[in-house]
Structure formats: structure tokens, C-alpha cells
Protein backbone atom coordinates (compact mmCIF):
# COMPACT_ATOMS: atom_id res chain seq x y z
CA MET A 1 0.00 0.00 0.00
CA PRO A 2 1.21 3.59 -0.45
CA TYR A 3 3.53 4.53 2.32
CA LYS A 4 2.44 7.92 3.63
CA SER A 5 5.06 8.42 6.35
CA GLU A 6 7.90 8.96 3.89
CA ARG A 7 6.88 12.57 3.23
CA LEU A 8 6.92 13.25 6.97
CA ARG A 9 10.46 12.06 7.60
CA THR A 10 12.14 15.44 7.13
CA SER A 11 9.89 17.26 9.57
CA ALA A 12 10.04 14.40 12.07
CA ASN A 13 13.83 14.40 12.07
CA LYS A 14 13.92 18.08 12.93
CA ARG A 15 12.48 17.43 16.36
CA GLY A 16 14.00 15.22 19.04
CA ASP A 17 16.82 14.17 16.70
CA SER A 18 19.49 14.71 19.39
CA VAL A 19 17.87 12.14 21.68
CA SER A 20 18.42 8.41 21.58
CA ILE A 21 16.60 5.63 23.37
CA SER A 22 17.72 2.05 23.80
CA PHE A 23 16.59 -0.97 21.81
CA SER A 24 14.78 -2.17 24.93
CA GLU A 25 12.85 1.07 25.23
CA ILE A 26 11.72 1.16 21.63
CA THR A 27 10.55 -2.48 21.75
CA ASN A 28 8.72 -1.86 25.02
CA LEU A 29 7.01 1.21 23.54
CA LEU A 30 5.80 -0.73 20.51
CA TYR A 31 4.89 -4.01 22.19
CA PRO A 32 1.42 -2.99 23.45
CA TYR A 33 0.43 -2.00 19.91
CA CYS A 34 2.35 -4.45 17.71
CA GLY A 35 2.89 -7.44 20.00
CA GLU A 36 -0.30 -9.31 19.04
CA GLY A 37 0.03 -11.77 21.92
CA GLN A 38 3.65 -12.71 21.20
CA ASN A 39 6.04 -13.33 24.05
CA ASN A 40 8.85 -10.84 24.54
CA ALA A 41 11.50 -13.00 22.88
CA ASP A 42 9.43 -13.55 19.74
CA PHE A 43 8.51 -9.88 19.53
CA VAL A 44 12.20 -8.98 19.37
CA VAL A 45 12.47 -11.18 16.28
CA THR A 46 9.35 -9.59 14.78
CA ILE A 47 10.76 -6.09 15.27
CA ILE A 48 14.02 -6.97 13.52
CA ASP A 49 12.27 -8.98 10.80
CA ASN A 50 10.30 -5.88 9.86
CA PHE A 51 13.27 -3.55 10.17
CA MET A 52 15.33 -5.59 7.72
CA GLU A 53 14.78 -5.91 4.01
CA GLU A 54 12.99 -8.96 2.66
CA PRO A 55 15.49 -11.81 2.25
CA THR A 56 16.01 -12.98 -1.31
CA ASP A 57 14.96 -16.52 -2.22
CA GLY A 58 17.66 -19.00 -1.43
CA ASP A 59 19.59 -16.48 0.67
CA ALA A 60 22.59 -18.40 2.00
CA THR A 61 24.60 -15.55 3.48
CA GLY A 62 23.40 -16.15 7.04
CA ASP A 63 23.13 -12.41 7.48
CA TYR A 64 19.37 -12.14 7.57
CA ASN A 65 18.10 -11.56 11.13
CA PRO A 66 20.92 -12.97 13.22
CA LEU A 67 18.67 -12.97 16.31
CA VAL A 68 16.46 -15.80 15.04
CA ASN A 69 18.70 -18.63 16.23
CA LEU A 70 19.53 -17.14 19.64
CA VAL A 71 18.00 -18.83 22.66
CA SER A 72 14.80 -17.33 23.98
CA ARG A 73 16.38 -16.09 27.23
CA THR A 74 18.91 -13.98 25.34
CA ARG A 75 16.19 -12.26 23.30
CA GLU A 76 14.17 -11.69 26.48
CA ASN A 77 17.22 -9.93 27.91
CA TYR A 78 17.31 -7.69 24.83
CA PHE A 79 13.66 -6.81 25.43
CA SER A 80 14.16 -6.06 29.13
CA GLY A 81 17.44 -4.19 28.67
CA GLN A 82 19.42 -6.71 30.72
CA ARG A 83 21.69 -7.12 27.75
CA SER A 84 22.50 -5.27 24.53
CA ILE A 85 22.55 -6.75 21.05
CA SER A 86 26.17 -7.42 20.19
CA ARG A 87 27.95 -5.00 17.92
CA GLN A 88 28.46 -7.75 15.35
CA ASN A 89 24.78 -8.66 15.16
CA ALA A 90 23.72 -5.01 15.13
CA ALA A 91 26.05 -4.44 12.18
CA ARG A 92 24.52 -7.40 10.33
CA ILE A 93 21.05 -6.00 10.87
CA LEU A 94 22.05 -2.53 9.75
CA ARG A 95 23.58 -3.89 6.54
CA HIS A 96 20.11 -5.05 5.52
CA THR A 97 18.04 -2.16 6.87
CA ASP A 98 14.77 -1.23 5.18
CA LYS A 99 13.38 1.66 7.19
CA ALA A 100 10.47 2.17 4.83
CA ARG A 101 9.39 -1.40 5.50
CA PHE A 102 9.54 -0.82 9.24
CA GLU A 103 7.56 2.41 9.00
CA ALA A 104 4.89 0.57 7.04
CA PHE A 105 4.84 -2.15 9.72
CA VAL A 106 4.28 0.43 12.49
CA GLU A 107 1.76 2.37 10.42
CA ASN A 108 -0.28 -0.72 9.59
CA SER A 109 -0.17 -2.03 13.16
CA LEU A 110 -1.30 1.13 14.92
CA SER A 111 -4.68 2.84 14.80
CA GLY A 112 -4.97 6.63 14.87
CA ASP A 113 -5.53 6.56 18.64
CA ALA A 114 -2.54 4.29 19.13
CA LEU A 115 -0.33 6.60 17.07
CA LEU A 116 -1.43 9.50 19.25
CA ALA A 117 -0.75 7.51 22.43
CA LEU A 118 2.72 6.56 21.18
CA SER A 119 3.38 10.18 20.26
CA LYS A 120 2.66 11.13 23.88
CA SER A 121 4.93 8.35 25.16
CA LEU A 122 7.77 9.64 22.99
CA ALA A 123 7.15 13.16 24.27
CA HIS A 124 7.79 11.89 27.82
CA LYS A 125 11.23 10.86 26.61
CA GLY A 126 11.97 14.27 25.12
CA ILE A 127 11.01 13.35 21.55
CA THR A 128 8.28 15.62 20.17
CA VAL A 129 6.56 14.34 17.05
CA SER A 130 2.99 14.35 15.80
CA ALA A 131 0.94 11.15 15.55
CA LEU A 132 1.50 11.03 11.79
CA GLU A 133 5.25 11.34 12.26
CA VAL A 134 5.46 8.42 14.73
CA PRO A 135 6.27 5.60 12.23
CA ALA A 136 9.16 7.53 10.67
CA LYS A 137 10.49 8.53 14.07
CA CYS A 138 10.31 4.96 15.39
CA ALA A 139 12.34 3.80 12.40
CA ASP A 140 14.94 6.48 13.08
CA LEU A 141 15.10 5.63 16.79
CA LEU A 142 15.49 1.93 16.12
CA GLU A 143 18.26 2.58 13.63
CA LYS A 144 20.05 4.81 16.13
CA ALA A 145 19.64 2.28 18.95
CA LEU A 146 21.25 -0.40 16.80
CA GLN A 147 24.07 1.95 15.80
CA LEU A 148 24.79 2.57 19.47
CA CYS A 149 24.93 -1.13 20.41
CA GLY A 150 28.36 -1.93 21.77
CA VAL A 151 29.39 1.65 22.54
CA GLY A 152 27.80 2.07 25.96
CA SER A 153 24.43 3.50 24.99
CA GLN A 154 22.22 0.93 26.73
CA ARG A 155 22.11 0.59 30.50
CA VAL A 156 20.55 -1.66 33.05
CA SER A 157 19.41 1.15 35.28
CA GLY A 158 19.40 4.90 35.56
CA ALA A 159 18.57 7.42 32.86
CA SER A 160 18.30 5.76 29.50
CA VAL A 161 17.67 8.76 27.27
CA ILE A 162 21.09 9.81 25.99
CA ASN A 163 22.23 12.63 23.80
CA GLU A 164 23.70 11.19 20.63
CA SER A 165 26.74 13.44 20.90
CA ASP A 166 27.54 11.87 24.28
CA SER A 167 26.92 8.24 23.33
CA VAL A 168 30.45 7.26 22.34
CA SER A 169 31.94 8.72 25.51
CA GLN A 170 29.68 6.79 27.89
CA ASP A 171 31.54 4.66 30.42
CA THR A 172 31.22 1.11 29.13
CA SER A 173 31.55 -0.19 32.69
CA GLN A 174 27.95 0.99 33.15
CA ASN A 175 26.87 -0.83 30.01
CA ARG A 176 24.29 -3.60 29.89
CA PHE A 177 24.71 -5.46 33.21
CA ALA A 178 24.35 -4.54 36.84
CA PRO A 179 27.40 -4.90 39.13
CA LEU A 180 28.33 -8.46 39.98
CA LYS A 181 27.00 -9.79 43.28
CA THR A 182 30.16 -11.01 44.96
CA ILE A 183 30.04 -14.10 47.19
CA ALA A 184 32.22 -13.87 50.29
CA PRO A 185 34.02 -17.03 51.46
CA PRO A 186 32.22 -18.66 54.42
CA ASP A 187 34.12 -19.06 57.68
CA GLU A 188 34.22 -22.83 57.25
CA VAL A 189 35.36 -24.56 54.09
CA ALA A 190 32.32 -25.57 52.04
CA GLU A 191 31.85 -28.88 50.29
CA LEU A 192 32.40 -27.34 46.86
CA GLU A 193 35.89 -26.27 47.99
CA VAL A 194 37.17 -29.65 49.15
CA THR A 195 38.90 -30.70 45.92
CA TYR A 196 40.84 -27.52 45.09
CA ILE A 197 41.81 -27.00 48.74
CA SER A 198 43.18 -30.53 49.01
CA LYS A 199 45.40 -29.78 46.01
CA LEU A 200 46.48 -26.53 47.67
CA MET A 201 47.49 -28.47 50.77
CA ASP A 202 49.54 -30.86 48.60
CA ALA A 203 51.34 -27.86 47.10
CA TYR A 204 52.13 -26.41 50.53
CA GLY A 205 53.22 -29.82 51.75
CA GLU A 206 55.58 -30.42 48.83
CA ALA A 207 57.18 -27.02 49.42
CA GLU A 208 57.75 -27.90 53.10
CA GLY A 209 58.58 -31.57 52.60
CA ILE A 210 55.55 -32.62 54.66
CA GLU A 211 53.46 -35.51 53.34
CA GLY A 212 49.75 -35.26 54.05
CA PHE A 213 49.85 -31.53 54.74
CA SER A 214 46.53 -30.57 56.35
CA LYS A 215 44.67 -27.71 58.00
CA ALA A 216 46.53 -28.45 61.23
CA ASN A 217 49.84 -27.98 59.44
CA LEU A 218 48.49 -24.80 57.87
CA GLN A 219 48.02 -23.36 61.36
CA GLN A 220 51.66 -24.14 62.12
CA TYR A 221 52.73 -22.35 58.93
CA GLU A 222 50.27 -19.50 59.28
CA TYR A 223 53.07 -16.94 58.93
CA LYS A 224 54.03 -18.38 55.55
CA TYR A 225 50.80 -19.61 53.94
CA GLY A 226 47.96 -18.12 55.98
CA GLU A 227 47.35 -15.03 53.85
CA HIS A 228 48.04 -16.95 50.67
CA PHE A 229 45.37 -19.51 51.59
CA LYS A 230 42.84 -16.76 52.34
CA ARG A 231 43.51 -15.17 48.96
CA GLN A 232 42.92 -18.46 47.16
CA ARG A 233 39.51 -18.84 48.80
CA LYS A 234 38.65 -15.23 47.99
CA ASP A 235 39.65 -15.78 44.35
CA PHE A 236 37.68 -19.02 44.14
CA TYR A 237 34.50 -17.31 45.32
CA ALA A 238 35.16 -14.36 43.02
CA ALA A 239 35.09 -16.80 40.12
CA GLU A 240 32.10 -18.64 41.56
CA SER A 241 30.28 -15.30 41.70
CA VAL A 242 30.90 -14.89 37.98
CA ARG A 243 29.64 -18.42 37.34
CA GLN A 244 26.36 -17.70 39.11
CA GLY A 245 26.02 -14.24 37.57
CA THR A 246 26.59 -15.70 34.11
CA ARG A 247 23.82 -18.26 34.56
CA GLU A 248 21.38 -15.59 35.76
CA THR A 249 22.27 -13.12 33.00
CA TYR A 250 22.76 -15.23 29.88
CA GLY A 251 20.52 -18.15 30.74
CA ASP A 252 20.86 -21.27 28.62
CA THR A 253 22.97 -19.75 25.89
CA ASP A 254 25.04 -21.91 23.62
CA PRO A 255 27.91 -21.84 24.19
CA ASP A 256 27.73 -21.41 27.95
CA GLN A 257 29.81 -18.29 28.52
CA PHE A 258 31.34 -19.44 31.80
CA GLU A 259 32.49 -22.61 30.04
CA VAL A 260 34.06 -20.40 27.38
CA LEU A 261 35.82 -18.45 30.16
CA LYS A 262 37.18 -21.70 31.59
CA GLU A 263 38.40 -22.87 28.19
CA GLU A 264 40.11 -19.56 27.51
CA THR A 265 41.76 -19.67 30.93
CA TYR A 266 42.94 -23.25 30.52
CA ASP A 267 44.38 -22.54 27.07
CA GLY A 268 46.16 -19.51 28.48
CA VAL A 269 47.84 -21.23 31.46
CA ILE A 270 48.44 -24.85 30.42
CA ASP A 271 51.89 -24.25 28.90
CA VAL A 272 53.11 -22.64 32.12
CA TYR A 273 51.48 -25.42 34.16
CA GLU A 274 53.34 -28.12 32.21
CA GLN A 275 56.77 -26.53 32.65
CA ASN A 276 59.19 -28.07 35.16
CA HIS A 277 58.73 -26.52 38.60
CA LEU A 278 60.66 -27.26 41.76
CA ASN A 279 57.47 -27.89 43.70
CA GLY A 280 53.72 -27.47 43.53
CA TYR A 281 53.69 -24.16 45.37
CA ILE A 282 55.95 -22.63 42.75
CA ARG A 283 53.86 -24.15 39.95
CA LEU A 284 50.64 -22.83 41.49
CA ASN A 285 51.95 -19.29 41.79
CA ALA A 286 53.40 -19.34 38.28
CA VAL A 287 50.04 -20.43 36.83
CA LEU A 288 48.10 -17.85 38.84
CA SER A 289 50.46 -15.12 37.66
CA GLN A 290 50.01 -16.25 34.07
CA ALA A 291 46.21 -16.23 34.49
CA THR A 292 46.23 -12.50 35.22
CA HIS A 293 47.84 -11.80 31.85
CA ILE A 294 45.69 -13.91 29.54
CA ARG A 295 43.08 -12.46 27.18
CA ILE A 296 39.54 -13.83 27.13
CA ASP A 297 38.24 -12.04 24.05
CA ARG A 298 36.25 -15.04 22.85
CA CYS A 299 34.03 -14.83 25.93
CA TRP A 300 31.04 -12.47 25.92
CA LEU A 301 31.77 -11.65 29.57
CA CYS A 302 34.88 -9.77 28.46
CA ARG A 303 32.94 -7.33 26.27
CA ASP A 304 29.55 -7.31 28.01
CA THR A 305 30.60 -6.77 31.63
CA ASP A 306 33.32 -5.47 33.90
CA TRP A 307 33.12 -8.62 36.02
CA ILE A 308 36.46 -10.17 35.09
CA GLY A 309 39.50 -8.97 37.01
CA ASN A 310 42.64 -10.66 38.24
CA SER A 311 40.92 -12.25 41.23
CA GLN A 312 38.28 -13.86 39.03
CA LYS A 313 40.87 -15.12 36.54
CA LYS A 314 42.89 -16.76 39.31
CA GLY A 315 39.75 -18.20 40.84
CA VAL A 316 38.87 -19.90 37.55
CA CYS A 317 42.13 -21.87 37.89
CA HIS A 318 40.82 -23.36 41.14
CA ILE A 319 37.53 -24.20 39.44
CA LEU A 320 39.54 -26.00 36.78
CA VAL A 321 41.10 -28.04 39.57
CA ASN A 322 37.64 -28.83 40.94
CA ASP A 323 36.60 -29.98 37.47
CA GLY A 324 39.67 -32.19 37.11
CA LYS A 325 40.91 -30.24 34.11
CA ILE A 326 43.99 -29.31 36.11
CA LYS A 327 44.92 -32.51 37.92
CA ARG A 328 47.23 -31.27 40.68
CA TRP A 329 49.79 -28.64 41.61
CA ALA A 330 52.35 -30.88 43.34
CA ASN A 331 54.82 -32.90 41.31
CA ASP A 332 53.95 -35.98 43.38
CA GLU A 333 50.72 -36.49 45.32
């Protein structure tokens, strides 16, 4: 059908064009009018389907709507603002943009009253457009939201309306995810710590020439290993905090991002681990030092959060011990 919003684009862009809203906000604004009973995850796909050009028959590029094959939880996080669309996927979408198609989708989905209501909702966000200008403005806002993905424009909390001129300079540490909820080590060793702590004791024992080194021995060598032992528990729980935070944030994504973190860590430390070391304590410290220098670029956690520091990286080494991926620290058990 004739697309009447095209002639309104120029006037619509003159007002509110310095204001951006997030992908989550634009989808939440449109959902009551265009959702048609879909769940949040499916509506995200619908929005992008209608924002992109029609795929050609037999399209084998894999570029058309990269969100289709993501797990439902991930798309729900896009809808809620818990997570931003990755820069790579946003770029794929933008390469196939058809804003006229999206304007027609909005125009055909909304009645006159709905267009007026959406116009008022946009006004609350500092974007002043008439009801007739709403479809064109929604297309512009969606395009801008996708352009800003990956540069700190979307936040979990706080003000979400951002001046476009400020978008690139936003602190990416505030981007996408809330601060990590850190788990403090309990006073008593927990069951999930038994394996890695037993290997720690073997490392201390080999360094001191004491077979069967135990917590009682640790008390005798408090001056030498006491603080070191406390740091290992702190690091383990720092990594365990990331494990739990990853499950809550990403859900059942494939691949599991904490597993990717473990793989990246293992690949980064294994060569140092396999070198000849005088004793297990020296090997342990060499591996932990190496862990702080490795890159984990393949893991979404590296680009999506500020959760991964040196403590977390070292703690992952102890989780690898728990998993049996790293067998032991001592040369002889």
C-alpha cells in the first residue's frame, strides 16, 4: 500500500533528533500496539524482521536476522534491557536495513488513537513528534539504537535517554549489566571447595617436605601460607560469583559463557602449568600469575561486563582443579 510516512520524515527528524533511546525502550514502547500476543523473545524477532529488508529466495549468506537462532532467554534480555545486542549482530542487521518497510509495519499495526498515544509516550522521553510522524520517528530511533549497540548506549538502570553526541563517551563499565553480586568465602570450608583446597594443601606440603599436609599444618605455617590460603579462597569465590552471575544473566545460551571463560583460561595457562617446577607451590603461583595476563576475548563476559579482574581469573584456575581439568599442583601427590 502507499507509504504515507515517507513525506513526513524530514519534519520528524527536525524534532527530538538529538535524543536516543535504547533498543529495549523502543521495543517496550511498541509491544502494546504491535505485540499481538507474542512473548517478549518472539517480539524482538518480529521487530528486527520488519526492520530488515525482505530476504532474497535461497539467501545463503546467514546475514538475515541474526537474532532468530539465539535462545529465547537472550532475546528476552534484549527486550528487558538486561543485555544489549552485540555490535556484530547489530552491524549485520544494519547492513540489511529497510526503514520504509519498518515504517509501514508500524503504520499498519497502529490505529490513529494508538499513534497519538505513542506520540505522547515519545514526548515523555523528550522526543516531540505528531501522531503522523510516529512511524518515521520509530524507524529512526530503532536505527540509532542499533548503531549505538556496543558503545555504551544501553544501560541496566538509571537514565536511559542519551544525547547522541555523548553516546560514544559513555563509560562502558555501566553498560548492559548490573554490578556483579560477589560471594564472600564462608568461615568454614564448604563442600564445593574440598577438591581444590586438598590440592592446595599438597602444594604447601611439597614445598615444606611434609606428606599429608593438612589444615593443622596450615596453622603451624600460618606466617608463611595463611594469607596466601585466604587469597585463594577469595579468588575461588570471586570466580564462583561470575559463574552464578553468568547463569542468571545469559541463561541457557550456547555456548555457555562461563564454560568459554574456563576454556580460555585453561588454554592460556596450560603451557606454564606443564613446565618443570621445583614444587607445587611454585607451579601454582606461576600459573596464577600467568592467568592474570591472559586475554579472554572469545568470551562475551569480556565485552559485556566489567566482572572479570585478576581475582576472578585466578579463581577460575581453582575451578579448573575442581573440574579435574587441572589434575594437581604438586609434582607428586
